[in-house]
Amino acid sequence: VGEKDMLNAAGVSVKHDLPGVGKNLQDHIIFPMVFHNRDKNTLEHAESLGNLVNYLIWGEGALSSNIAEGGGFVHTQPGLRGPDIQYHFAPGFFMNHGFDNPKHGHGFSIGPTLLQPMSVGEVRIESNSAHASPIIDHQYLSHSDDMKALVAGYKIAMNIIKTEAFKPYFDGYFLPGKELLTDEEIADHIIHHFQTLYHPTGTCKMGSDNMAVVDDQLRVHGVQNLRVVDASIMPQIVRGNTHAPVMMIAEKAVDLILGVRKEAIREEVLEATA
């Protein structure tokens, strides 16, 4: 089930030609802004024996941290329908998914995250072998508006770092190693250091147009007894983390599959909020 020409070229027999399968790939990307920290109350020594004991006995201490301990949402320009940048704050160094962190030292990190990317990619196959990896082409930053939003996100974050609230903590720049003053410098930093926030969505989008894969009951167009229930059915990526929306999609799918009446759902909601 998928785009006929792509499947034929890969040597896969076509059961149903559905061109939208694998298209409309969207994802949230984040880039690091990392600083030295005067305060020693960070995650630098989180993996110590003392912290392990503290967590196992009392459920407290550094190991109880979710790492991204603070955040926020902003509009980088007036007139937007919703926020376009989300900030993730961590009391420690965070670069390249955490793999490039320095071995020693105290830091803090702010990650501007692009919430509604205009860049759209795709997932496709080039072989009928089950052992061959799919081609995942995100097309990150292929639309100029995405870079504009991220550059603005950097500037707003720098204004936050310069506030009185951060003065007791800020102890110099780590990544980048200085304040970036031009859009070109900021864009170069973003290009070399951005990463996924692990929120791929949209490749089996819900709708009724010719690129839609599922209908409003999550049923695959043109195929009997087949539904898709995950983040891939989102026509557009949500402005925030995808976990809660996917749970809601799954709950709704259960109701659809079981044939729960709308009246019964309404009664449950009224009872729960009474």
C-alpha atoms as a PDB file:
ATOM      1  CA  VAL A   1       0.000   0.000   0.000  1.00  0.00           C
ATOM      2  CA  GLY A   2       1.639   3.208  -1.135  1.00  0.00           C
ATOM      3  CA  GLU A   3       2.791   5.220  -4.118  1.00  0.00           C
ATOM      4  CA  LYS A   4       2.566   2.903  -7.128  1.00  0.00           C
ATOM      5  CA  ASP A   5       5.615   4.117  -9.051  1.00  0.00           C
ATOM      6  CA  MET A   6       7.880   4.026  -5.987  1.00  0.00           C
ATOM      7  CA  LEU A   7       6.743   0.528  -5.022  1.00  0.00           C
ATOM      8  CA  ASN A   8       7.124  -0.814  -8.559  1.00  0.00           C
ATOM      9  CA  ALA A   9      10.632   0.644  -8.830  1.00  0.00           C
ATOM     10  CA  ALA A  10      11.539  -1.116  -5.566  1.00  0.00           C
ATOM     11  CA  GLY A  11      10.196  -4.439  -6.823  1.00  0.00           C
ATOM     12  CA  VAL A  12       7.165  -4.493  -4.540  1.00  0.00           C
ATOM     13  CA  SER A  13       3.782  -5.643  -5.842  1.00  0.00           C
ATOM     14  CA  VAL A  14       1.097  -2.991  -5.402  1.00  0.00           C
ATOM     15  CA  LYS A  15      -2.060  -3.926  -3.524  1.00  0.00           C
ATOM     16  CA  HIS A  16      -3.439  -0.386  -3.477  1.00  0.00           C
ATOM     17  CA  ASP A  17      -2.059   2.812  -4.989  1.00  0.00           C
ATOM     18  CA  LEU A  18      -2.059   5.419  -2.219  1.00  0.00           C
ATOM     19  CA  PRO A  19       0.393   8.224  -3.109  1.00  0.00           C
ATOM     20  CA  GLY A  20       0.360   9.938   0.298  1.00  0.00           C
ATOM     21  CA  VAL A  21       2.001   7.059   2.176  1.00  0.00           C
ATOM     22  CA  GLY A  22       5.389   8.253   3.403  1.00  0.00           C
ATOM     23  CA  LYS A  23       4.847  11.855   2.332  1.00  0.00           C
ATOM     24  CA  ASN A  24       4.271  14.914   4.551  1.00  0.00           C
ATOM     25  CA  LEU A  25       7.090  14.043   6.996  1.00  0.00           C
ATOM     26  CA  GLN A  26       7.434  16.767   9.634  1.00  0.00           C
ATOM     27  CA  ASP A  27       9.582  16.950  12.760  1.00  0.00           C
ATOM     28  CA  HIS A  28      10.629  19.315  15.519  1.00  0.00           C
ATOM     29  CA  ILE A  29      14.282  20.346  15.495  1.00  0.00           C
ATOM     30  CA  ILE A  30      16.258  21.909  18.331  1.00  0.00           C
ATOM     31  CA  PHE A  31      19.697  23.492  18.554  1.00  0.00           C
ATOM     32  CA  PRO A  32      21.887  23.964  21.645  1.00  0.00           C
ATOM     33  CA  MET A  33      22.822  27.174  23.395  1.00  0.00           C
ATOM     34  CA  VAL A  34      25.164  26.080  26.197  1.00  0.00           C
ATOM     35  CA  PHE A  35      26.748  28.165  28.954  1.00  0.00           C
ATOM     36  CA  HIS A  36      29.140  27.743  31.870  1.00  0.00           C
ATOM     37  CA  ASN A  37      27.383  27.830  35.219  1.00  0.00           C
ATOM     38  CA  ARG A  38      28.660  29.403  38.449  1.00  0.00           C
ATOM     39  CA  ASP A  39      26.160  27.379  40.441  1.00  0.00           C
ATOM     40  CA  LYS A  40      27.272  23.819  41.261  1.00  0.00           C
ATOM     41  CA  ASN A  41      23.761  22.465  41.678  1.00  0.00           C
ATOM     42  CA  THR A  42      23.633  20.883  38.211  1.00  0.00           C
ATOM     43  CA  LEU A  43      23.439  17.398  36.719  1.00  0.00           C
ATOM     44  CA  GLU A  44      27.250  17.169  36.476  1.00  0.00           C
ATOM     45  CA  HIS A  45      27.481  14.499  39.206  1.00  0.00           C
ATOM     46  CA  ALA A  46      24.015  13.009  38.765  1.00  0.00           C
ATOM     47  CA  GLU A  47      25.369   9.496  38.227  1.00  0.00           C
ATOM     48  CA  SER A  48      27.200   9.326  41.567  1.00  0.00           C
ATOM     49  CA  LEU A  49      26.637   6.544  44.105  1.00  0.00           C
ATOM     50  CA  GLY A  50      25.164   9.023  46.586  1.00  0.00           C
ATOM     51  CA  ASN A  51      22.583  10.211  44.080  1.00  0.00           C
ATOM     52  CA  LEU A  52      21.704   6.618  43.217  1.00  0.00           C
ATOM     53  CA  VAL A  53      21.086   5.772  46.876  1.00  0.00           C
ATOM     54  CA  ASN A  54      19.115   8.979  47.345  1.00  0.00           C
ATOM     55  CA  TYR A  55      16.892   8.133  44.399  1.00  0.00           C
ATOM     56  CA  LEU A  56      16.363   4.451  45.277  1.00  0.00           C
ATOM     57  CA  ILE A  57      15.457   5.145  48.907  1.00  0.00           C
ATOM     58  CA  TRP A  58      13.672   8.500  48.801  1.00  0.00           C
ATOM     59  CA  GLY A  59      13.003   9.055  45.096  1.00  0.00           C
ATOM     60  CA  GLU A  60      14.815  12.393  45.285  1.00  0.00           C
ATOM     61  CA  GLY A  61      17.976  14.056  44.038  1.00  0.00           C
ATOM     62  CA  ALA A  62      19.601  14.565  40.655  1.00  0.00           C
ATOM     63  CA  LEU A  63      18.480  11.205  39.258  1.00  0.00           C
ATOM     64  CA  SER A  64      14.842  12.217  39.739  1.00  0.00           C
ATOM     65  CA  SER A  65      15.354  15.022  37.213  1.00  0.00           C
ATOM     66  CA  ASN A  66      13.660  14.796  33.818  1.00  0.00           C
ATOM     67  CA  ILE A  67      16.667  16.813  32.505  1.00  0.00           C
ATOM     68  CA  ALA A  68      14.476  19.342  30.666  1.00  0.00           C
ATOM     69  CA  GLU A  69      13.365  20.968  33.911  1.00  0.00           C
ATOM     70  CA  GLY A  70      11.982  24.194  32.468  1.00  0.00           C
ATOM     71  CA  GLY A  71      10.569  25.525  29.253  1.00  0.00           C
ATOM     72  CA  GLY A  72       8.348  28.007  27.539  1.00  0.00           C
ATOM     73  CA  PHE A  73       6.594  28.971  24.318  1.00  0.00           C
ATOM     74  CA  VAL A  74       6.991  32.240  22.396  1.00  0.00           C
ATOM     75  CA  HIS A  75       5.793  34.019  19.273  1.00  0.00           C
ATOM     76  CA  THR A  76       8.830  35.285  17.386  1.00  0.00           C
ATOM     77  CA  GLN A  77       6.698  37.800  15.489  1.00  0.00           C
ATOM     78  CA  PRO A  78       3.223  39.310  15.849  1.00  0.00           C
ATOM     79  CA  GLY A  79       0.253  37.906  13.990  1.00  0.00           C
ATOM     80  CA  LEU A  80       1.112  34.210  14.293  1.00  0.00           C
ATOM     81  CA  ARG A  81      -1.752  31.800  14.974  1.00  0.00           C
ATOM     82  CA  GLY A  82       0.257  30.229  17.778  1.00  0.00           C
ATOM     83  CA  PRO A  83       3.778  30.040  19.231  1.00  0.00           C
ATOM     84  CA  ASP A  84       6.477  29.007  16.770  1.00  0.00           C
ATOM     85  CA  ILE A  85       9.382  28.427  19.187  1.00  0.00           C
ATOM     86  CA  GLN A  86       9.507  26.242  22.301  1.00  0.00           C
ATOM     87  CA  TYR A  87      12.386  26.454  24.789  1.00  0.00           C
ATOM     88  CA  HIS A  88      13.843  23.497  26.678  1.00  0.00           C
ATOM     89  CA  PHE A  89      16.035  24.334  29.660  1.00  0.00           C
ATOM     90  CA  ALA A  90      18.428  21.866  31.318  1.00  0.00           C
ATOM     91  CA  PRO A  91      20.690  22.379  34.369  1.00  0.00           C
ATOM     92  CA  GLY A  92      23.687  20.870  32.591  1.00  0.00           C
ATOM     93  CA  PHE A  93      25.483  20.599  29.283  1.00  0.00           C
ATOM     94  CA  PHE A  94      23.445  19.165  26.400  1.00  0.00           C
ATOM     95  CA  MET A  95      24.864  18.765  22.888  1.00  0.00           C
ATOM     96  CA  ASN A  96      24.388  16.154  20.161  1.00  0.00           C
ATOM     97  CA  HIS A  97      21.740  14.229  22.098  1.00  0.00           C
ATOM     98  CA  GLY A  98      24.010  14.388  25.151  1.00  0.00           C
ATOM     99  CA  PHE A  99      26.892  12.472  23.521  1.00  0.00           C
ATOM    100  CA  ASP A 100      29.219  15.478  23.107  1.00  0.00           C
ATOM    101  CA  ASN A 101      28.958  16.811  26.646  1.00  0.00           C
ATOM    102  CA  PRO A 102      32.287  17.672  28.337  1.00  0.00           C
ATOM    103  CA  LYS A 103      33.453  15.191  30.953  1.00  0.00           C
ATOM    104  CA  HIS A 104      33.715  17.773  33.716  1.00  0.00           C
ATOM    105  CA  GLY A 105      32.233  21.138  34.576  1.00  0.00           C
ATOM    106  CA  HIS A 106      28.946  22.777  35.440  1.00  0.00           C
ATOM    107  CA  GLY A 107      26.731  24.268  32.780  1.00  0.00           C
ATOM    108  CA  PHE A 108      23.201  24.985  31.704  1.00  0.00           C
ATOM    109  CA  SER A 109      21.562  24.704  28.300  1.00  0.00           C
ATOM    110  CA  ILE A 110      18.688  26.332  26.451  1.00  0.00           C
ATOM    111  CA  GLY A 111      17.370  24.698  23.300  1.00  0.00           C
ATOM    112  CA  PRO A 112      15.163  26.740  20.946  1.00  0.00           C
ATOM    113  CA  THR A 113      12.837  24.317  19.171  1.00  0.00           C
ATOM    114  CA  LEU A 114      10.988  24.911  15.894  1.00  0.00           C
ATOM    115  CA  LEU A 115       7.327  24.090  16.487  1.00  0.00           C
ATOM    116  CA  GLN A 116       5.586  24.363  13.110  1.00  0.00           C
ATOM    117  CA  PRO A 117       8.166  23.687  10.393  1.00  0.00           C
ATOM    118  CA  MET A 118       7.391  24.600   6.823  1.00  0.00           C
ATOM    119  CA  SER A 119       9.992  22.104   5.598  1.00  0.00           C
ATOM    120  CA  VAL A 120       8.399  18.781   4.662  1.00  0.00           C
ATOM    121  CA  GLY A 121      10.156  15.509   3.863  1.00  0.00           C
ATOM    122  CA  GLU A 122       9.271  11.924   3.034  1.00  0.00           C
ATOM    123  CA  VAL A 123       9.952   8.260   3.801  1.00  0.00           C
ATOM    124  CA  ARG A 124      10.415   5.869   0.893  1.00  0.00           C
ATOM    125  CA  ILE A 125      11.971   2.535  -0.002  1.00  0.00           C
ATOM    126  CA  GLU A 126      14.384   1.596  -2.778  1.00  0.00           C
ATOM    127  CA  SER A 127      14.447  -2.168  -2.246  1.00  0.00           C
ATOM    128  CA  ASN A 128      12.008  -4.997  -1.550  1.00  0.00           C
ATOM    129  CA  SER A 129      14.421  -6.514   0.974  1.00  0.00           C
ATOM    130  CA  ALA A 130      13.202  -6.575   4.570  1.00  0.00           C
ATOM    131  CA  HIS A 131      16.818  -5.976   5.611  1.00  0.00           C
ATOM    132  CA  ALA A 132      17.186  -2.745   3.620  1.00  0.00           C
ATOM    133  CA  SER A 133      16.739   0.468   5.577  1.00  0.00           C
ATOM    134  CA  PRO A 134      14.129   2.955   4.369  1.00  0.00           C
ATOM    135  CA  ILE A 135      15.188   6.310   2.964  1.00  0.00           C
ATOM    136  CA  ILE A 136      14.196   8.985   5.483  1.00  0.00           C
ATOM    137  CA  ASP A 137      14.558  12.390   3.874  1.00  0.00           C
ATOM    138  CA  HIS A 138      13.515  15.070   6.368  1.00  0.00           C
ATOM    139  CA  GLN A 139      14.400  18.063   4.190  1.00  0.00           C
ATOM    140  CA  TYR A 140      15.243  19.970   7.370  1.00  0.00           C
ATOM    141  CA  LEU A 141      15.561  23.769   6.897  1.00  0.00           C
ATOM    142  CA  SER A 142      14.672  23.545   3.213  1.00  0.00           C
ATOM    143  CA  HIS A 143      12.110  26.328   3.715  1.00  0.00           C
ATOM    144  CA  SER A 144      13.601  29.733   4.520  1.00  0.00           C
ATOM    145  CA  ASP A 145      10.889  30.573   7.093  1.00  0.00           C
ATOM    146  CA  ASP A 146      12.193  27.821   9.374  1.00  0.00           C
ATOM    147  CA  MET A 147      15.633  29.367   9.665  1.00  0.00           C
ATOM    148  CA  LYS A 148      14.119  32.808  10.257  1.00  0.00           C
ATOM    149  CA  ALA A 149      12.117  31.469  13.196  1.00  0.00           C
ATOM    150  CA  LEU A 150      15.123  29.696  14.716  1.00  0.00           C
ATOM    151  CA  VAL A 151      17.356  32.765  14.361  1.00  0.00           C
ATOM    152  CA  ALA A 152      14.682  34.797  16.138  1.00  0.00           C
ATOM    153  CA  GLY A 153      14.530  32.072  18.784  1.00  0.00           C
ATOM    154  CA  TYR A 154      18.251  32.480  19.418  1.00  0.00           C
ATOM    155  CA  LYS A 155      17.913  36.227  19.874  1.00  0.00           C
ATOM    156  CA  ILE A 156      15.036  35.914  22.324  1.00  0.00           C
ATOM    157  CA  ALA A 157      16.974  33.289  24.303  1.00  0.00           C
ATOM    158  CA  MET A 158      19.972  35.610  24.516  1.00  0.00           C
ATOM    159  CA  ASN A 159      17.727  38.340  25.917  1.00  0.00           C
ATOM    160  CA  ILE A 160      16.573  35.864  28.563  1.00  0.00           C
ATOM    161  CA  ILE A 161      20.177  34.951  29.456  1.00  0.00           C
ATOM    162  CA  LYS A 162      20.987  38.638  29.964  1.00  0.00           C
ATOM    163  CA  THR A 163      18.242  39.164  32.553  1.00  0.00           C
ATOM    164  CA  GLU A 164      18.937  39.729  36.240  1.00  0.00           C
ATOM    165  CA  ALA A 165      17.588  36.278  37.047  1.00  0.00           C
ATOM    166  CA  PHE A 166      20.460  34.579  35.215  1.00  0.00           C
ATOM    167  CA  LYS A 167      23.284  36.767  36.532  1.00  0.00           C
ATOM    168  CA  PRO A 168      24.069  34.467  39.510  1.00  0.00           C
ATOM    169  CA  TYR A 169      24.466  31.522  37.106  1.00  0.00           C
ATOM    170  CA  PHE A 170      25.946  32.768  33.824  1.00  0.00           C
ATOM    171  CA  ASP A 171      29.717  32.219  33.783  1.00  0.00           C
ATOM    172  CA  GLY A 172      30.540  32.521  30.101  1.00  0.00           C
ATOM    173  CA  TYR A 173      29.728  30.995  26.730  1.00  0.00           C
ATOM    174  CA  PHE A 174      30.438  27.360  25.865  1.00  0.00           C
ATOM    175  CA  LEU A 175      28.543  26.575  22.631  1.00  0.00           C
ATOM    176  CA  PRO A 176      28.769  28.776  20.720  1.00  0.00           C
ATOM    177  CA  GLY A 177      31.893  30.128  22.386  1.00  0.00           C
ATOM    178  CA  LYS A 178      30.718  33.728  22.145  1.00  0.00           C
ATOM    179  CA  GLU A 179      27.572  35.736  21.591  1.00  0.00           C
ATOM    180  CA  LEU A 180      26.599  35.625  17.926  1.00  0.00           C
ATOM    181  CA  LEU A 181      25.732  39.070  16.607  1.00  0.00           C
ATOM    182  CA  THR A 182      24.673  38.558  12.991  1.00  0.00           C
ATOM    183  CA  ASP A 183      21.947  36.450  11.414  1.00  0.00           C
ATOM    184  CA  GLU A 184      24.598  34.729   9.312  1.00  0.00           C
ATOM    185  CA  GLU A 185      26.602  33.657  12.375  1.00  0.00           C
ATOM    186  CA  ILE A 186      23.488  32.392  14.118  1.00  0.00           C
ATOM    187  CA  ALA A 187      22.337  30.457  11.027  1.00  0.00           C
ATOM    188  CA  ASP A 188      25.766  28.847  10.674  1.00  0.00           C
ATOM    189  CA  HIS A 189      25.641  27.678  14.299  1.00  0.00           C
ATOM    190  CA  ILE A 190      22.145  26.261  13.785  1.00  0.00           C
ATOM    191  CA  ILE A 191      23.114  24.402  10.599  1.00  0.00           C
ATOM    192  CA  HIS A 192      26.105  22.744  12.259  1.00  0.00           C
ATOM    193  CA  HIS A 193      24.471  21.823  15.578  1.00  0.00           C
ATOM    194  CA  PHE A 194      20.715  21.302  15.178  1.00  0.00           C
ATOM    195  CA  GLN A 195      19.238  17.889  15.949  1.00  0.00           C
ATOM    196  CA  THR A 196      15.876  16.167  16.003  1.00  0.00           C
ATOM    197  CA  LEU A 197      13.660  16.340  19.066  1.00  0.00           C
ATOM    198  CA  TYR A 198      12.350  12.867  18.125  1.00  0.00           C
ATOM    199  CA  HIS A 199       8.867  13.959  17.017  1.00  0.00           C
ATOM    200  CA  PRO A 200       8.465  12.652  13.429  1.00  0.00           C
ATOM    201  CA  THR A 201       4.853  12.918  12.270  1.00  0.00           C
ATOM    202  CA  GLY A 202       2.551  13.174   9.297  1.00  0.00           C
ATOM    203  CA  THR A 203       3.485  10.357   6.907  1.00  0.00           C
ATOM    204  CA  CYS A 204      -0.012   8.805   6.915  1.00  0.00           C
ATOM    205  CA  LYS A 205      -1.989  11.991   7.287  1.00  0.00           C
ATOM    206  CA  MET A 206      -5.700  12.110   7.985  1.00  0.00           C
ATOM    207  CA  GLY A 207      -7.932  13.870   5.476  1.00  0.00           C
ATOM    208  CA  SER A 208      -9.983  13.595   2.306  1.00  0.00           C
ATOM    209  CA  ASP A 209      -7.618  15.050  -0.322  1.00  0.00           C
ATOM    210  CA  ASN A 210      -5.647  12.914  -2.781  1.00  0.00           C
ATOM    211  CA  MET A 211      -2.587  12.803  -0.509  1.00  0.00           C
ATOM    212  CA  ALA A 212      -4.510  11.702   2.599  1.00  0.00           C
ATOM    213  CA  VAL A 213      -3.878   8.161   3.843  1.00  0.00           C
ATOM    214  CA  VAL A 214      -6.582   7.728   6.500  1.00  0.00           C
ATOM    215  CA  ASP A 215     -10.082   9.142   6.930  1.00  0.00           C
ATOM    216  CA  ASP A 216     -11.573  10.741  10.046  1.00  0.00           C
ATOM    217  CA  GLN A 217     -12.133   7.267  11.472  1.00  0.00           C
ATOM    218  CA  LEU A 218      -8.416   6.476  11.024  1.00  0.00           C
ATOM    219  CA  ARG A 219      -9.283   3.920   8.313  1.00  0.00           C
ATOM    220  CA  VAL A 220      -6.829   3.602   5.426  1.00  0.00           C
ATOM    221  CA  HIS A 221      -8.456   4.903   2.244  1.00  0.00           C
ATOM    222  CA  GLY A 222      -9.339   2.107  -0.160  1.00  0.00           C
ATOM    223  CA  VAL A 223      -8.363  -0.752   2.176  1.00  0.00           C
ATOM    224  CA  GLN A 224     -10.746  -2.784   4.307  1.00  0.00           C
ATOM    225  CA  ASN A 225     -10.145  -3.465   8.013  1.00  0.00           C
ATOM    226  CA  LEU A 226      -6.944  -1.428   8.296  1.00  0.00           C
ATOM    227  CA  ARG A 227      -6.363   1.597  10.509  1.00  0.00           C
ATOM    228  CA  VAL A 228      -3.314   3.695  11.408  1.00  0.00           C
ATOM    229  CA  VAL A 229      -3.109   4.874  15.002  1.00  0.00           C
ATOM    230  CA  ASP A 230      -0.016   6.941  15.791  1.00  0.00           C
ATOM    231  CA  ALA A 231       1.618  10.340  15.190  1.00  0.00           C
ATOM    232  CA  SER A 232       1.797   9.713  11.444  1.00  0.00           C
ATOM    233  CA  ILE A 233      -1.905  10.544  11.026  1.00  0.00           C
ATOM    234  CA  MET A 234      -1.364  14.200  12.028  1.00  0.00           C
ATOM    235  CA  PRO A 235      -1.923  16.423   8.953  1.00  0.00           C
ATOM    236  CA  GLN A 236       0.281  19.041  10.631  1.00  0.00           C
ATOM    237  CA  ILE A 237       2.675  18.580  13.516  1.00  0.00           C
ATOM    238  CA  VAL A 238       1.392  19.917  16.838  1.00  0.00           C
ATOM    239  CA  ARG A 239       2.897  22.959  18.548  1.00  0.00           C
ATOM    240  CA  GLY A 240       4.527  21.015  21.356  1.00  0.00           C
ATOM    241  CA  ASN A 241       5.564  17.547  22.433  1.00  0.00           C
ATOM    242  CA  THR A 242       3.772  14.722  20.657  1.00  0.00           C
ATOM    243  CA  HIS A 243       3.377  12.210  23.505  1.00  0.00           C
ATOM    244  CA  ALA A 244       0.062  13.460  24.923  1.00  0.00           C
ATOM    245  CA  PRO A 245      -1.581  13.953  21.492  1.00  0.00           C
ATOM    246  CA  VAL A 246      -0.617  10.405  20.481  1.00  0.00           C
ATOM    247  CA  MET A 247      -2.180   9.054  23.674  1.00  0.00           C
ATOM    248  CA  MET A 248      -5.350  10.974  22.797  1.00  0.00           C
ATOM    249  CA  ILE A 249      -5.302   9.578  19.250  1.00  0.00           C
ATOM    250  CA  ALA A 250      -5.010   6.055  20.676  1.00  0.00           C
ATOM    251  CA  GLU A 251      -7.867   6.615  23.133  1.00  0.00           C
ATOM    252  CA  LYS A 252     -10.052   7.929  20.318  1.00  0.00           C
ATOM    253  CA  ALA A 253      -9.122   4.969  18.113  1.00  0.00           C
ATOM    254  CA  VAL A 254     -10.262   2.559  20.809  1.00  0.00           C
ATOM    255  CA  ASP A 255     -13.641   4.283  20.903  1.00  0.00           C
ATOM    256  CA  LEU A 256     -13.900   4.175  17.109  1.00  0.00           C
ATOM    257  CA  ILE A 257     -12.983   0.496  16.949  1.00  0.00           C
ATOM    258  CA  LEU A 258     -15.391  -0.443  19.737  1.00  0.00           C
ATOM    259  CA  GLY A 259     -18.124   1.745  18.279  1.00  0.00           C
ATOM    260  CA  VAL A 260     -18.675   3.821  21.401  1.00  0.00           C
ATOM    261  CA  ARG A 261     -21.543   6.262  20.928  1.00  0.00           C
ATOM    262  CA  LYS A 262     -20.842   9.996  21.226  1.00  0.00           C
ATOM    263  CA  GLU A 263     -23.542  10.274  23.880  1.00  0.00           C
ATOM    264  CA  ALA A 264     -21.788   7.716  26.070  1.00  0.00           C
ATOM    265  CA  ILE A 265     -18.472   9.564  25.755  1.00  0.00           C
ATOM    266  CA  ARG A 266     -20.182  12.824  26.676  1.00  0.00           C
ATOM    267  CA  GLU A 267     -21.719  11.234  29.784  1.00  0.00           C
ATOM    268  CA  GLU A 268     -18.325   9.906  30.884  1.00  0.00           C
ATOM    269  CA  VAL A 269     -16.759  13.337  30.502  1.00  0.00           C
ATOM    270  CA  LEU A 270     -19.568  14.984  32.471  1.00  0.00           C
ATOM    271  CA  GLU A 271     -19.218  12.428  35.269  1.00  0.00           C
ATOM    272  CA  ALA A 272     -15.451  12.853  35.415  1.00  0.00           C
ATOM    273  CA  THR A 273     -15.705  16.641  35.671  1.00  0.00           C
ATOM    274  CA  ALA A 274     -18.680  16.739  38.044  1.00  0.00           C
END
